[in-house]
N, C-alpha and C. Protein backbone atom coordinates (compact mmCIF):
# COMPACT_ATOMS: atom_id res chain seq x y z
N UNK A 1 93.28 160.67 -160.05
CA UNK A 1 92.26 161.47 -159.92
C UNK A 1 91.98 162.31 -158.81
N UNK A 2 91.64 161.54 -158.04
CA UNK A 2 90.80 161.85 -156.52
C UNK A 2 92.07 162.61 -156.03
N UNK A 3 93.28 162.26 -155.90
CA UNK A 3 94.32 162.91 -155.22
C UNK A 3 94.65 164.33 -155.91
N UNK A 4 94.45 164.52 -157.26
CA UNK A 4 94.64 165.83 -157.78
C UNK A 4 93.55 166.70 -157.78
N UNK A 5 92.25 166.29 -157.85
CA UNK A 5 91.18 167.13 -157.88
C UNK A 5 90.21 167.31 -156.66
N UNK A 6 90.12 166.03 -155.77
CA UNK A 6 89.25 166.15 -154.61
C UNK A 6 90.11 166.27 -153.19
N UNK A 7 90.97 165.55 -153.13
CA UNK A 7 91.78 165.59 -151.86
C UNK A 7 91.83 166.82 -151.18
N UNK A 8 92.35 167.84 -151.91
CA UNK A 8 92.55 169.29 -151.20
C UNK A 8 91.45 169.60 -150.60
N UNK A 9 90.33 169.10 -151.05
CA UNK A 9 88.89 169.95 -150.59
C UNK A 9 88.22 169.39 -149.26
N UNK A 10 89.23 168.29 -148.99
CA UNK A 10 88.78 167.55 -147.54
C UNK A 10 89.16 168.53 -146.39
N UNK A 11 90.16 169.48 -146.49
CA UNK A 11 90.32 170.20 -145.52
C UNK A 11 89.53 171.79 -145.68
N UNK A 12 88.97 172.03 -146.75
CA UNK A 12 88.11 173.29 -146.83
C UNK A 12 86.90 173.22 -146.38
N UNK A 13 86.29 174.62 -145.83
CA UNK A 13 85.17 174.54 -145.23
C UNK A 13 83.95 174.79 -146.68
N UNK A 14 82.85 174.54 -146.33
CA UNK A 14 81.58 174.71 -147.26
C UNK A 14 81.87 176.18 -147.85
N UNK A 15 82.01 177.03 -147.01
CA UNK A 15 81.88 178.26 -147.69
C UNK A 15 83.11 178.60 -148.61
N UNK A 16 84.33 178.06 -148.17
CA UNK A 16 85.39 178.31 -149.48
C UNK A 16 84.96 177.40 -150.73
N UNK A 17 84.48 176.26 -150.44
CA UNK A 17 84.00 175.72 -151.62
C UNK A 17 82.96 176.23 -152.48
N UNK A 18 82.04 176.83 -151.57
CA UNK A 18 81.12 177.72 -152.47
C UNK A 18 81.54 178.91 -153.09
N UNK A 19 82.53 179.65 -152.70
CA UNK A 19 83.09 180.77 -153.31
C UNK A 19 83.78 180.49 -154.40
N UNK A 20 84.62 179.30 -154.23
CA UNK A 20 85.44 179.04 -155.67
C UNK A 20 84.66 178.70 -156.59
N UNK A 21 83.47 177.83 -156.47
CA UNK A 21 82.34 177.37 -157.60
C UNK A 21 81.82 178.56 -157.81
N UNK A 22 81.32 179.47 -157.03
CA UNK A 22 80.81 180.76 -157.67
C UNK A 22 81.57 181.45 -158.57
N UNK A 23 82.83 181.57 -157.91
CA UNK A 23 83.88 182.57 -158.86
C UNK A 23 83.98 181.68 -160.25
N UNK A 24 84.00 180.39 -160.24
CA UNK A 24 84.39 179.68 -161.50
C UNK A 24 83.08 179.96 -162.50
N UNK A 25 82.10 179.69 -161.76
CA UNK A 25 80.82 179.95 -162.62
C UNK A 25 80.49 181.48 -163.37
N UNK A 26 80.90 182.45 -162.44
CA UNK A 26 80.75 183.83 -163.05
C UNK A 26 82.06 183.76 -164.21
N UNK A 27 83.10 183.35 -163.82
CA UNK A 27 84.23 183.34 -164.86
C UNK A 27 84.03 182.76 -166.25
N UNK A 28 83.09 181.53 -165.85
CA UNK A 28 82.57 180.92 -167.34
C UNK A 28 81.67 181.72 -168.09
N UNK A 29 80.57 182.54 -167.25
CA UNK A 29 79.80 183.41 -167.76
C UNK A 29 80.55 184.48 -168.65
N UNK A 30 81.52 184.89 -167.99
CA UNK A 30 82.26 186.12 -168.61
C UNK A 30 82.95 185.45 -170.10
N UNK A 31 83.52 184.62 -169.97
CA UNK A 31 83.94 183.98 -171.51
C UNK A 31 82.75 183.77 -172.51
N UNK A 32 81.75 183.13 -171.96
CA UNK A 32 80.67 183.36 -172.88
C UNK A 32 80.37 184.63 -173.59
N UNK A 33 80.02 185.47 -172.45
CA UNK A 33 79.75 186.86 -172.95
C UNK A 33 80.51 187.51 -174.02
N UNK A 34 81.72 187.15 -173.61
CA UNK A 34 83.15 187.45 -174.77
C UNK A 34 82.97 186.99 -175.94
N UNK A 35 82.51 185.92 -176.09
CA UNK A 35 82.41 185.03 -177.20
C UNK A 35 81.41 185.71 -178.23
N UNK A 36 80.22 186.09 -177.45
CA UNK A 36 79.01 186.68 -178.27
C UNK A 36 79.13 188.31 -178.29
N UNK A 37 80.35 188.78 -178.03
CA UNK A 37 80.80 190.20 -178.19
C UNK A 37 79.59 191.00 -177.33
N UNK A 38 79.48 190.55 -175.99
CA UNK A 38 78.15 191.33 -175.26
C UNK A 38 78.96 191.73 -174.04
N UNK A 39 78.57 192.99 -173.75
CA UNK A 39 79.24 193.61 -172.77
C UNK A 39 78.98 193.13 -171.36
N UNK A 40 78.06 192.21 -171.20
CA UNK A 40 78.11 191.63 -169.83
C UNK A 40 79.38 190.77 -169.64
N UNK A 41 80.36 190.80 -170.46
CA UNK A 41 81.55 189.81 -170.28
C UNK A 41 82.15 190.57 -168.99
N UNK A 42 82.20 191.91 -168.83
CA UNK A 42 82.82 192.63 -167.72
C UNK A 42 81.88 192.67 -166.51
N UNK A 43 80.83 193.02 -166.18
CA UNK A 43 80.14 192.98 -164.94
C UNK A 43 80.34 191.62 -164.22
N UNK A 44 80.29 190.27 -165.22
CA UNK A 44 80.52 188.88 -164.54
C UNK A 44 81.90 188.70 -164.40
N UNK A 45 82.77 189.25 -165.13
CA UNK A 45 84.27 189.08 -165.08
C UNK A 45 84.72 189.55 -163.53
N UNK A 46 84.17 190.78 -163.55
CA UNK A 46 84.46 191.54 -162.35
C UNK A 46 84.23 190.96 -161.06
N UNK A 47 82.91 190.36 -161.06
CA UNK A 47 82.26 189.28 -159.91
C UNK A 47 83.35 188.41 -159.66
N UNK A 48 83.66 187.50 -160.85
CA UNK A 48 84.57 186.40 -160.39
C UNK A 48 86.01 186.62 -160.07
N UNK A 49 86.69 187.84 -160.62
CA UNK A 49 88.03 188.15 -160.03
C UNK A 49 88.04 188.71 -158.80
N UNK A 50 86.98 189.55 -158.54
CA UNK A 50 86.99 190.17 -157.07
C UNK A 50 86.95 189.12 -155.98
N UNK A 51 86.05 188.01 -156.41
CA UNK A 51 85.84 186.77 -155.54
C UNK A 51 87.22 185.96 -155.46
N UNK A 52 88.07 185.89 -156.68
CA UNK A 52 89.21 185.10 -156.51
C UNK A 52 89.91 186.01 -155.42
N UNK A 53 90.17 187.33 -155.54
CA UNK A 53 90.97 188.20 -154.84
C UNK A 53 90.89 187.97 -153.20
N UNK A 54 89.53 187.55 -152.89
CA UNK A 54 89.37 187.23 -151.38
C UNK A 54 89.76 185.71 -151.18
N UNK A 55 89.50 184.81 -152.46
CA UNK A 55 89.59 183.28 -152.13
C UNK A 55 91.41 183.27 -152.09
N UNK A 56 91.95 183.88 -152.82
CA UNK A 56 93.60 183.76 -152.98
C UNK A 56 94.17 184.25 -151.83
N UNK A 57 93.68 185.49 -151.12
CA UNK A 57 94.09 186.14 -149.86
C UNK A 57 93.91 185.24 -148.70
N UNK A 58 92.81 184.52 -148.64
CA UNK A 58 92.74 183.46 -147.59
C UNK A 58 93.56 182.36 -147.66
N UNK A 59 93.88 182.03 -148.84
CA UNK A 59 94.68 181.02 -149.21
C UNK A 59 96.08 181.38 -148.75
N UNK A 60 96.46 182.47 -148.63
CA UNK A 60 97.92 183.05 -148.35
C UNK A 60 98.58 183.32 -149.35
N UNK A 61 97.81 183.29 -150.82
CA UNK A 61 98.42 183.63 -151.82
C UNK A 61 98.43 185.02 -152.42
N UNK A 62 99.20 185.88 -151.54
CA UNK A 62 98.77 187.35 -151.59
C UNK A 62 99.21 187.88 -152.89
N UNK A 63 100.32 187.39 -153.57
CA UNK A 63 100.85 187.97 -154.83
C UNK A 63 99.85 187.60 -155.82
N UNK A 64 99.11 186.43 -155.83
CA UNK A 64 98.11 186.11 -156.83
C UNK A 64 96.75 186.99 -156.57
N UNK A 65 96.64 187.54 -155.39
CA UNK A 65 95.43 188.00 -155.04
C UNK A 65 95.63 189.61 -155.45
N UNK A 66 96.68 190.11 -155.55
CA UNK A 66 97.04 191.49 -155.84
C UNK A 66 96.81 191.37 -157.29
N UNK A 67 97.29 190.61 -158.01
CA UNK A 67 97.08 190.44 -159.59
C UNK A 67 95.61 190.41 -159.96
N UNK A 68 94.82 189.62 -159.14
CA UNK A 68 93.47 189.51 -159.57
C UNK A 68 92.66 191.06 -159.27
N UNK A 69 93.42 191.81 -158.24
CA UNK A 69 93.04 193.19 -158.16
C UNK A 69 93.10 194.12 -159.32
N UNK A 70 94.20 193.78 -159.85
CA UNK A 70 94.62 194.42 -161.26
C UNK A 70 93.74 193.88 -162.53
N UNK A 71 93.23 192.80 -162.37
CA UNK A 71 92.27 192.05 -163.46
C UNK A 71 91.12 192.73 -163.24
N UNK A 72 90.75 192.94 -162.13
CA UNK A 72 89.27 193.83 -161.69
C UNK A 72 89.27 195.13 -162.14
N UNK A 73 90.61 195.91 -161.97
CA UNK A 73 90.75 197.12 -162.58
C UNK A 73 90.64 197.34 -163.89
N UNK A 74 91.22 196.36 -164.66
CA UNK A 74 91.47 196.34 -166.07
C UNK A 74 89.99 195.80 -166.77
N UNK A 75 89.06 195.18 -165.96
CA UNK A 75 87.84 194.78 -166.42
C UNK A 75 86.87 196.31 -166.43
N UNK A 76 87.15 196.98 -165.40
CA UNK A 76 86.57 198.14 -165.22
C UNK A 76 86.64 199.09 -166.56
N UNK A 77 87.99 199.17 -166.91
CA UNK A 77 88.49 199.81 -167.80
C UNK A 77 87.90 199.36 -169.16
N UNK A 78 88.07 197.95 -169.34
CA UNK A 78 87.46 197.38 -170.46
C UNK A 78 85.95 197.78 -170.65
N UNK A 79 85.14 197.76 -169.65
CA UNK A 79 83.81 197.90 -169.45
C UNK A 79 83.40 199.34 -170.06
N UNK A 80 84.19 200.36 -169.68
CA UNK A 80 84.15 201.56 -170.06
C UNK A 80 84.47 201.95 -171.74
N UNK A 81 85.38 201.05 -172.23
CA UNK A 81 85.57 201.14 -173.58
C UNK A 81 84.73 200.47 -174.33
N UNK A 82 84.18 199.56 -173.76
CA UNK A 82 83.10 198.60 -174.76
C UNK A 82 81.66 199.56 -174.70
N UNK A 83 81.60 200.23 -173.77
CA UNK A 83 80.49 200.91 -173.53
C UNK A 83 80.32 202.19 -174.27
N UNK A 84 81.32 202.69 -174.65
CA UNK A 84 81.63 203.78 -175.37
C UNK A 84 81.67 203.41 -177.04
N UNK A 85 81.82 202.10 -177.36
CA UNK A 85 81.89 201.66 -178.56
C UNK A 85 80.68 200.90 -178.98
N UNK A 86 79.76 200.75 -178.05
CA UNK A 86 78.60 199.85 -178.40
C UNK A 86 77.49 200.75 -178.83
N UNK A 87 76.88 200.36 -180.04
CA UNK A 87 75.54 201.33 -180.67
C UNK A 87 74.30 200.95 -179.66
N UNK A 88 74.30 199.68 -179.34
CA UNK A 88 73.02 199.08 -178.75
C UNK A 88 73.37 198.99 -177.25
N UNK A 89 74.42 199.43 -176.56
CA UNK A 89 74.97 199.60 -175.29
C UNK A 89 75.20 197.80 -174.91
N UNK A 90 75.13 196.99 -175.79
CA UNK A 90 75.50 195.40 -175.47
C UNK A 90 76.40 194.79 -176.37
N UNK A 91 76.37 194.90 -177.53
CA UNK A 91 77.34 194.40 -178.59
C UNK A 91 78.07 195.32 -178.91
N UNK A 92 79.36 194.60 -179.48
CA UNK A 92 80.40 195.60 -180.07
C UNK A 92 80.83 194.91 -181.36
N UNK A 93 81.54 195.92 -182.15
CA UNK A 93 82.19 195.18 -183.42
C UNK A 93 83.87 194.88 -183.25
N UNK A 94 84.43 194.00 -183.87
CA UNK A 94 85.78 193.61 -183.41
C UNK A 94 86.69 193.71 -184.81
N UNK A 95 87.84 193.59 -184.47
CA UNK A 95 88.76 194.11 -185.75
C UNK A 95 89.97 193.29 -185.29
N UNK A 96 91.09 193.37 -186.55
CA UNK A 96 92.46 192.76 -186.24
C UNK A 96 93.24 193.75 -185.48
N UNK A 97 94.14 193.51 -184.83
CA UNK A 97 95.26 194.54 -184.25
C UNK A 97 96.42 195.12 -185.22
N UNK A 98 96.71 196.17 -185.14
CA UNK A 98 97.55 196.84 -186.22
C UNK A 98 98.87 196.77 -185.57
N UNK A 99 99.88 197.22 -186.44
CA UNK A 99 101.50 197.22 -185.99
C UNK A 99 101.56 197.86 -184.65
N UNK A 100 100.89 199.19 -184.68
CA UNK A 100 101.32 199.87 -183.34
C UNK A 100 100.78 199.30 -182.24
N UNK A 101 99.58 198.65 -182.36
CA UNK A 101 98.90 198.08 -181.23
C UNK A 101 99.85 196.71 -180.76
N UNK A 102 100.31 196.19 -181.62
CA UNK A 102 101.30 194.92 -181.37
C UNK A 102 102.66 195.30 -180.54
N UNK A 103 103.12 196.65 -180.95
CA UNK A 103 104.23 196.93 -180.21
C UNK A 103 103.98 197.30 -178.98
N UNK A 104 102.76 198.10 -178.70
CA UNK A 104 102.26 198.39 -177.16
C UNK A 104 102.05 196.97 -176.33
N UNK A 105 101.69 196.10 -177.22
CA UNK A 105 101.17 195.05 -176.49
C UNK A 105 102.40 194.22 -176.18
N UNK A 106 103.51 194.27 -176.84
CA UNK A 106 105.02 193.54 -176.58
C UNK A 106 105.51 194.40 -175.39
N UNK A 107 105.28 195.70 -175.36
CA UNK A 107 105.75 196.73 -174.10
C UNK A 107 104.96 196.27 -172.88
N UNK A 108 103.70 196.04 -173.04
CA UNK A 108 102.98 195.62 -171.98
C UNK A 108 103.31 194.48 -171.39
N UNK A 109 103.53 193.45 -172.28
CA UNK A 109 103.85 192.27 -171.77
C UNK A 109 105.35 192.13 -170.90
N UNK A 110 106.32 192.82 -171.42
CA UNK A 110 107.49 192.89 -170.99
C UNK A 110 107.30 193.56 -169.70
N UNK A 111 106.68 194.95 -169.58
CA UNK A 111 106.32 195.58 -168.31
C UNK A 111 105.62 194.80 -167.20
N UNK A 112 104.68 193.85 -167.73
CA UNK A 112 104.39 192.99 -166.65
C UNK A 112 105.02 192.00 -166.16
N UNK A 113 105.91 191.30 -166.84
CA UNK A 113 106.87 190.36 -166.44
C UNK A 113 107.91 190.93 -165.41
N UNK A 114 108.33 192.17 -165.53
CA UNK A 114 109.08 192.93 -164.51
C UNK A 114 108.34 193.37 -163.16
N UNK A 115 106.98 193.84 -163.49
CA UNK A 115 106.06 194.13 -162.41
C UNK A 115 105.69 192.74 -161.49
N UNK A 116 105.33 191.71 -162.13
CA UNK A 116 104.94 190.57 -161.30
C UNK A 116 106.08 190.03 -160.73
N UNK A 117 107.64 189.97 -161.20
CA UNK A 117 108.57 189.32 -160.65
C UNK A 117 109.11 190.26 -159.56
N UNK A 118 108.76 191.64 -159.51
CA UNK A 118 109.07 192.29 -158.51
C UNK A 118 108.24 191.89 -157.14
N UNK A 119 106.92 191.86 -157.53
CA UNK A 119 105.90 191.28 -156.68
C UNK A 119 106.24 190.12 -155.97
N UNK A 120 106.77 189.21 -156.80
CA UNK A 120 107.34 187.88 -156.06
C UNK A 120 108.64 188.10 -155.41
N UNK A 121 109.35 188.99 -155.76
CA UNK A 121 110.33 189.14 -155.12
C UNK A 121 110.30 189.50 -153.45
N UNK A 122 108.98 190.62 -153.48
CA UNK A 122 108.52 191.10 -152.09
C UNK A 122 107.40 190.18 -151.48
N UNK A 123 107.29 189.07 -151.95
CA UNK A 123 106.18 188.22 -151.52
C UNK A 123 106.42 187.69 -150.27
N UNK A 124 107.54 187.34 -149.72
CA UNK A 124 107.93 186.94 -148.23
C UNK A 124 107.37 188.18 -147.40
N UNK A 125 107.62 189.39 -147.61
CA UNK A 125 107.27 190.50 -146.71
C UNK A 125 105.80 190.65 -146.99
N UNK A 126 105.10 190.40 -147.99
CA UNK A 126 103.54 190.46 -148.30
C UNK A 126 103.01 189.43 -147.45
N UNK A 127 103.61 188.32 -147.51
CA UNK A 127 103.11 187.11 -146.73
C UNK A 127 103.30 187.25 -145.16
N UNK A 128 104.13 188.20 -145.01
CA UNK A 128 104.59 188.33 -143.29
C UNK A 128 103.59 189.62 -143.14
N UNK A 129 102.55 190.07 -143.57
CA UNK A 129 101.68 191.16 -143.40
C UNK A 129 102.40 192.48 -143.63
N UNK A 130 103.08 192.39 -144.70
CA UNK A 130 103.75 193.62 -145.48
C UNK A 130 105.09 194.02 -144.66
N UNK A 131 105.72 193.09 -143.81
CA UNK A 131 106.78 193.52 -142.77
C UNK A 131 108.08 192.89 -143.43
N UNK A 132 108.94 193.49 -143.47
CA UNK A 132 110.39 192.93 -143.78
C UNK A 132 111.03 192.33 -142.68
N UNK A 133 110.51 192.37 -141.40
CA UNK A 133 111.18 191.85 -140.37
C UNK A 133 111.31 190.49 -140.58
N UNK A 134 112.54 190.18 -140.08
CA UNK A 134 112.95 188.42 -140.12
C UNK A 134 112.57 187.80 -141.42
N UNK A 135 112.57 188.38 -142.35
CA UNK A 135 112.12 187.97 -143.89
C UNK A 135 113.19 188.08 -144.82
N UNK A 136 113.49 187.04 -145.68
CA UNK A 136 114.52 187.11 -146.61
C UNK A 136 113.76 187.48 -148.09
N UNK A 137 114.06 188.57 -148.68
CA UNK A 137 113.67 188.96 -149.79
C UNK A 137 114.38 188.18 -151.00
N UNK A 138 113.85 187.95 -151.91
CA UNK A 138 114.45 187.46 -153.09
C UNK A 138 113.48 186.37 -154.09
N UNK A 139 113.85 185.83 -155.06
CA UNK A 139 113.28 184.88 -155.79
C UNK A 139 113.46 183.47 -155.37
N UNK A 140 114.26 183.24 -154.48
CA UNK A 140 114.68 181.82 -153.98
C UNK A 140 113.39 180.61 -153.79
N UNK A 141 112.50 181.62 -153.27
CA UNK A 141 111.26 180.70 -152.81
C UNK A 141 110.32 180.55 -153.78
N UNK A 142 110.42 180.83 -155.09
CA UNK A 142 109.81 180.64 -156.21
C UNK A 142 110.00 179.21 -156.72
N UNK A 143 108.72 178.56 -156.81
CA UNK A 143 108.89 177.07 -157.56
C UNK A 143 108.25 177.18 -159.00
N UNK A 144 108.06 176.02 -159.66
CA UNK A 144 107.80 176.27 -160.96
C UNK A 144 106.37 176.98 -161.47
N UNK A 145 105.14 176.58 -160.43
CA UNK A 145 104.16 177.40 -160.61
C UNK A 145 104.25 178.73 -160.37
N UNK A 146 105.06 179.26 -159.36
CA UNK A 146 105.16 180.83 -159.40
C UNK A 146 105.73 181.29 -160.79
N UNK A 147 106.75 180.59 -161.28
CA UNK A 147 107.08 181.39 -162.34
C UNK A 147 106.27 181.10 -163.69
N UNK A 148 105.51 180.22 -163.57
CA UNK A 148 104.50 180.00 -164.64
C UNK A 148 103.41 181.01 -164.53
N UNK A 149 103.36 181.39 -163.06
CA UNK A 149 102.14 182.37 -162.73
C UNK A 149 102.75 183.81 -163.21
N UNK A 150 104.08 184.20 -163.34
CA UNK A 150 104.50 185.29 -163.71
C UNK A 150 104.30 185.31 -165.11
N UNK A 151 104.59 184.27 -165.92
CA UNK A 151 104.32 184.18 -167.25
C UNK A 151 102.90 184.77 -167.76
N UNK A 152 102.12 183.65 -167.06
CA UNK A 152 100.56 183.66 -167.43
C UNK A 152 99.98 184.99 -167.21
N UNK A 153 100.40 185.54 -166.04
CA UNK A 153 99.77 186.72 -165.59
C UNK A 153 100.31 187.96 -166.86
N UNK A 154 101.36 187.95 -167.42
CA UNK A 154 101.76 188.94 -168.37
C UNK A 154 101.01 188.37 -169.77
N UNK A 155 100.76 187.13 -169.87
CA UNK A 155 99.87 187.03 -171.19
C UNK A 155 98.37 187.24 -171.04
N UNK A 156 97.85 187.21 -169.84
CA UNK A 156 96.65 187.56 -169.44
C UNK A 156 96.50 189.01 -169.65
N UNK A 157 97.42 189.68 -169.22
CA UNK A 157 97.20 191.12 -169.33
C UNK A 157 97.27 191.92 -170.43
N UNK A 158 98.20 191.26 -171.65
CA UNK A 158 98.06 191.46 -172.81
C UNK A 158 96.69 191.17 -173.38
N UNK A 159 96.22 189.99 -172.85
CA UNK A 159 94.86 189.51 -173.48
C UNK A 159 93.72 190.22 -173.06
N UNK A 160 94.00 190.72 -172.05
CA UNK A 160 92.61 191.85 -171.36
C UNK A 160 92.69 193.14 -172.10
N UNK A 161 93.88 193.43 -172.38
CA UNK A 161 94.10 194.78 -173.15
C UNK A 161 93.58 194.84 -174.65
N UNK A 162 93.93 193.60 -175.17
CA UNK A 162 93.29 193.45 -176.52
C UNK A 162 92.11 193.23 -176.68
N UNK A 163 91.11 192.74 -175.45
CA UNK A 163 90.02 192.41 -175.51
C UNK A 163 89.18 193.71 -175.29
N UNK A 164 89.85 194.70 -174.48
CA UNK A 164 89.32 195.60 -174.05
C UNK A 164 89.31 196.67 -175.49
N UNK A 165 90.27 196.45 -176.47
CA UNK A 165 90.43 197.19 -177.57
C UNK A 165 89.46 196.51 -178.54
N UNK A 166 88.82 195.20 -178.40
CA UNK A 166 88.07 194.60 -179.09
C UNK A 166 88.73 193.95 -180.40
N UNK A 167 90.16 193.33 -180.02
CA UNK A 167 91.09 193.10 -181.00
C UNK A 167 90.82 191.28 -180.99
N UNK A 168 90.73 190.67 -182.11
CA UNK A 168 90.50 189.28 -182.36
C UNK A 168 91.78 188.48 -181.65
N UNK A 169 92.93 188.97 -181.60
CA UNK A 169 94.08 188.43 -181.53
C UNK A 169 93.94 187.97 -179.73
N UNK A 170 93.18 188.73 -179.15
CA UNK A 170 93.22 188.61 -177.66
C UNK A 170 92.84 186.92 -177.28
N UNK A 171 92.13 186.24 -178.24
CA UNK A 171 91.79 185.10 -177.88
C UNK A 171 93.00 184.02 -178.09
N UNK A 172 93.95 184.43 -178.46
CA UNK A 172 95.33 183.65 -178.79
C UNK A 172 95.88 183.65 -177.50
N UNK A 173 95.76 184.78 -176.90
CA UNK A 173 96.42 184.95 -175.59
C UNK A 173 95.78 184.20 -174.43
N UNK A 174 94.50 184.49 -174.70
CA UNK A 174 93.71 183.56 -173.48
C UNK A 174 94.00 182.03 -173.79
N UNK A 175 93.83 181.45 -174.92
CA UNK A 175 94.05 180.22 -175.19
C UNK A 175 95.40 179.46 -174.53
N UNK A 176 96.47 180.20 -174.78
CA UNK A 176 97.93 179.84 -174.43
C UNK A 176 97.81 179.96 -172.80
N UNK A 177 97.52 181.03 -172.36
CA UNK A 177 97.16 181.28 -170.66
C UNK A 177 96.47 180.28 -169.92
N UNK A 178 95.36 180.24 -170.59
CA UNK A 178 94.37 179.12 -169.81
C UNK A 178 94.90 177.80 -169.96
N UNK A 179 95.54 177.35 -171.00
CA UNK A 179 95.97 176.24 -171.12
C UNK A 179 97.13 175.77 -170.08
N UNK A 180 98.01 176.90 -169.83
CA UNK A 180 99.28 176.53 -169.01
C UNK A 180 98.60 176.61 -167.49
N UNK A 181 97.40 177.30 -167.08
CA UNK A 181 97.10 177.51 -165.77
C UNK A 181 96.51 176.34 -165.34
N UNK A 182 95.94 175.35 -166.12
CA UNK A 182 95.53 174.00 -165.70
C UNK A 182 96.27 173.17 -164.64
N UNK A 183 97.58 172.75 -165.11
CA UNK A 183 98.32 172.24 -164.16
C UNK A 183 98.72 173.00 -162.90
N UNK A 184 98.94 174.25 -163.14
CA UNK A 184 99.28 175.38 -162.18
C UNK A 184 98.36 175.35 -161.14
N UNK A 185 96.98 175.46 -161.31
CA UNK A 185 95.80 175.46 -160.53
C UNK A 185 95.68 174.22 -159.60
N UNK A 186 96.08 173.16 -160.20
CA UNK A 186 95.92 171.83 -159.75
C UNK A 186 97.02 171.85 -158.80
N UNK A 187 98.32 172.24 -159.08
CA UNK A 187 99.33 172.34 -158.11
C UNK A 187 99.04 173.04 -156.84
N UNK A 188 98.35 174.27 -156.93
CA UNK A 188 97.94 175.07 -155.88
C UNK A 188 96.76 174.39 -155.14
N UNK A 189 96.27 173.28 -155.38
CA UNK A 189 95.06 172.55 -154.92
C UNK A 189 93.90 173.11 -155.17
N UNK A 190 93.79 173.91 -156.23
CA UNK A 190 92.31 174.46 -156.77
C UNK A 190 91.66 173.82 -157.89
N UNK A 191 91.23 172.73 -157.53
CA UNK A 191 91.04 171.69 -158.66
C UNK A 191 89.95 172.10 -159.46
N UNK A 192 88.93 173.04 -158.77
CA UNK A 192 87.61 173.49 -159.29
C UNK A 192 87.97 174.55 -160.21
N UNK A 193 88.94 175.22 -159.86
CA UNK A 193 89.38 176.40 -160.94
C UNK A 193 90.46 175.80 -162.20
N UNK A 194 90.87 174.74 -161.89
CA UNK A 194 91.93 173.85 -162.76
C UNK A 194 90.99 173.61 -163.99
N UNK A 195 89.82 172.91 -163.57
CA UNK A 195 88.88 172.38 -164.43
C UNK A 195 88.10 173.67 -165.25
N UNK A 196 87.88 174.79 -164.37
CA UNK A 196 87.49 175.97 -165.28
C UNK A 196 88.50 176.52 -166.40
N UNK A 197 89.61 176.37 -166.06
CA UNK A 197 90.61 176.79 -167.02
C UNK A 197 90.64 175.95 -167.99
N UNK A 198 90.30 174.50 -167.98
CA UNK A 198 90.05 173.37 -169.12
C UNK A 198 89.12 174.11 -169.94
N UNK A 199 87.89 174.21 -169.35
CA UNK A 199 86.94 174.76 -170.20
C UNK A 199 87.09 175.89 -170.85
N UNK A 200 87.92 176.82 -169.86
CA UNK A 200 88.34 178.39 -170.40
C UNK A 200 89.07 178.04 -172.09
N UNK A 201 90.02 177.14 -171.95
CA UNK A 201 90.84 176.82 -173.05
C UNK A 201 89.81 176.63 -174.41
N UNK A 202 88.91 175.58 -174.29
CA UNK A 202 88.20 175.49 -175.18
C UNK A 202 87.15 176.54 -175.71
N UNK A 203 86.55 177.31 -174.49
CA UNK A 203 85.71 178.32 -175.11
C UNK A 203 86.75 179.39 -175.82
N UNK A 204 87.77 179.78 -175.41
CA UNK A 204 88.44 180.59 -175.80
C UNK A 204 88.92 180.23 -177.42
N UNK A 205 89.05 179.01 -177.69
CA UNK A 205 89.28 178.45 -179.19
C UNK A 205 87.77 178.90 -179.90
N UNK A 206 86.95 178.72 -179.26
CA UNK A 206 85.50 179.03 -179.91
C UNK A 206 85.29 180.49 -180.01
N UNK A 207 85.73 181.08 -179.21
CA UNK A 207 85.90 182.72 -179.21
C UNK A 207 86.53 183.18 -180.26
N UNK A 208 87.63 182.63 -180.44
CA UNK A 208 88.64 183.05 -181.75
C UNK A 208 87.99 182.85 -183.07
N UNK A 209 87.21 181.46 -183.17
CA UNK A 209 86.64 181.21 -184.44
C UNK A 209 85.54 182.15 -184.65
N UNK A 210 84.47 182.41 -183.51
CA UNK A 210 83.53 183.36 -183.66
C UNK A 210 83.70 184.54 -184.17
N UNK A 211 84.85 185.52 -183.41
CA UNK A 211 85.24 186.59 -183.84
C UNK A 211 85.75 186.90 -185.27
N UNK A 212 86.59 185.89 -185.61
CA UNK A 212 87.18 185.88 -186.68
C UNK A 212 85.93 185.53 -188.12
N UNK A 213 85.13 184.89 -187.62
CA UNK A 213 83.73 184.78 -188.68
C UNK A 213 82.91 185.79 -188.74
N UNK A 214 83.14 186.64 -187.50
CA UNK A 214 82.04 187.87 -187.59
C UNK A 214 82.81 188.99 -188.39
N UNK A 215 84.17 188.80 -188.42
CA UNK A 215 84.87 189.83 -189.60
C UNK A 215 84.52 189.51 -191.08
N UNK A 216 84.51 188.31 -191.35
CA UNK A 216 84.14 187.93 -192.84
C UNK A 216 82.77 188.16 -193.32
N UNK A 217 81.85 188.52 -192.09
CA UNK A 217 80.32 188.61 -192.68
C UNK A 217 80.28 190.12 -192.68
N UNK A 218 81.32 190.98 -192.16
CA UNK A 218 81.19 192.52 -192.36
C UNK A 218 81.42 192.95 -193.89
């Protein structure tokens, strides 16, 4: 247990640990507000993803950092949609996705798979300060965690879009993606973030039940 969760932190600075803890706390707050259908899901989520951009960039995980930039942008998009759909500027109503939305979600998933794979293809150049000099481009450098990252990023992209549209099915994507991220973050040496994803998985399940229950009350 120590080797998995705590040993990597022996080489981290107090500031790095503080940033990861802060990002994890705001991430948990974001999921909590999402369960409550509260628009504060987006301000707290933006803080969390923005911090992870900085954390991952400084850990040399530039591809992951770029994806978190995208998450931040998607959060701003969701914030705008929720603001326009909220009568009290705080809470929103939710619904099930229709067939056309599922078609779009499928296209979005495939597009994301291709996009993130391309990012990883160029990751050696990204890690080399965006220079292709003395760099071998390709996917040969990817390990199992990188391929999982490609898959989970696509899952989260669809989940974020469905959440922005206030669709109950968004929680199914969060449950699957969060669960997969637990071992992936451990492998990357981010034990605190791994624990965060464990909590996220449980909270996403509760969120699914809560949103589903709210439909029955309508």
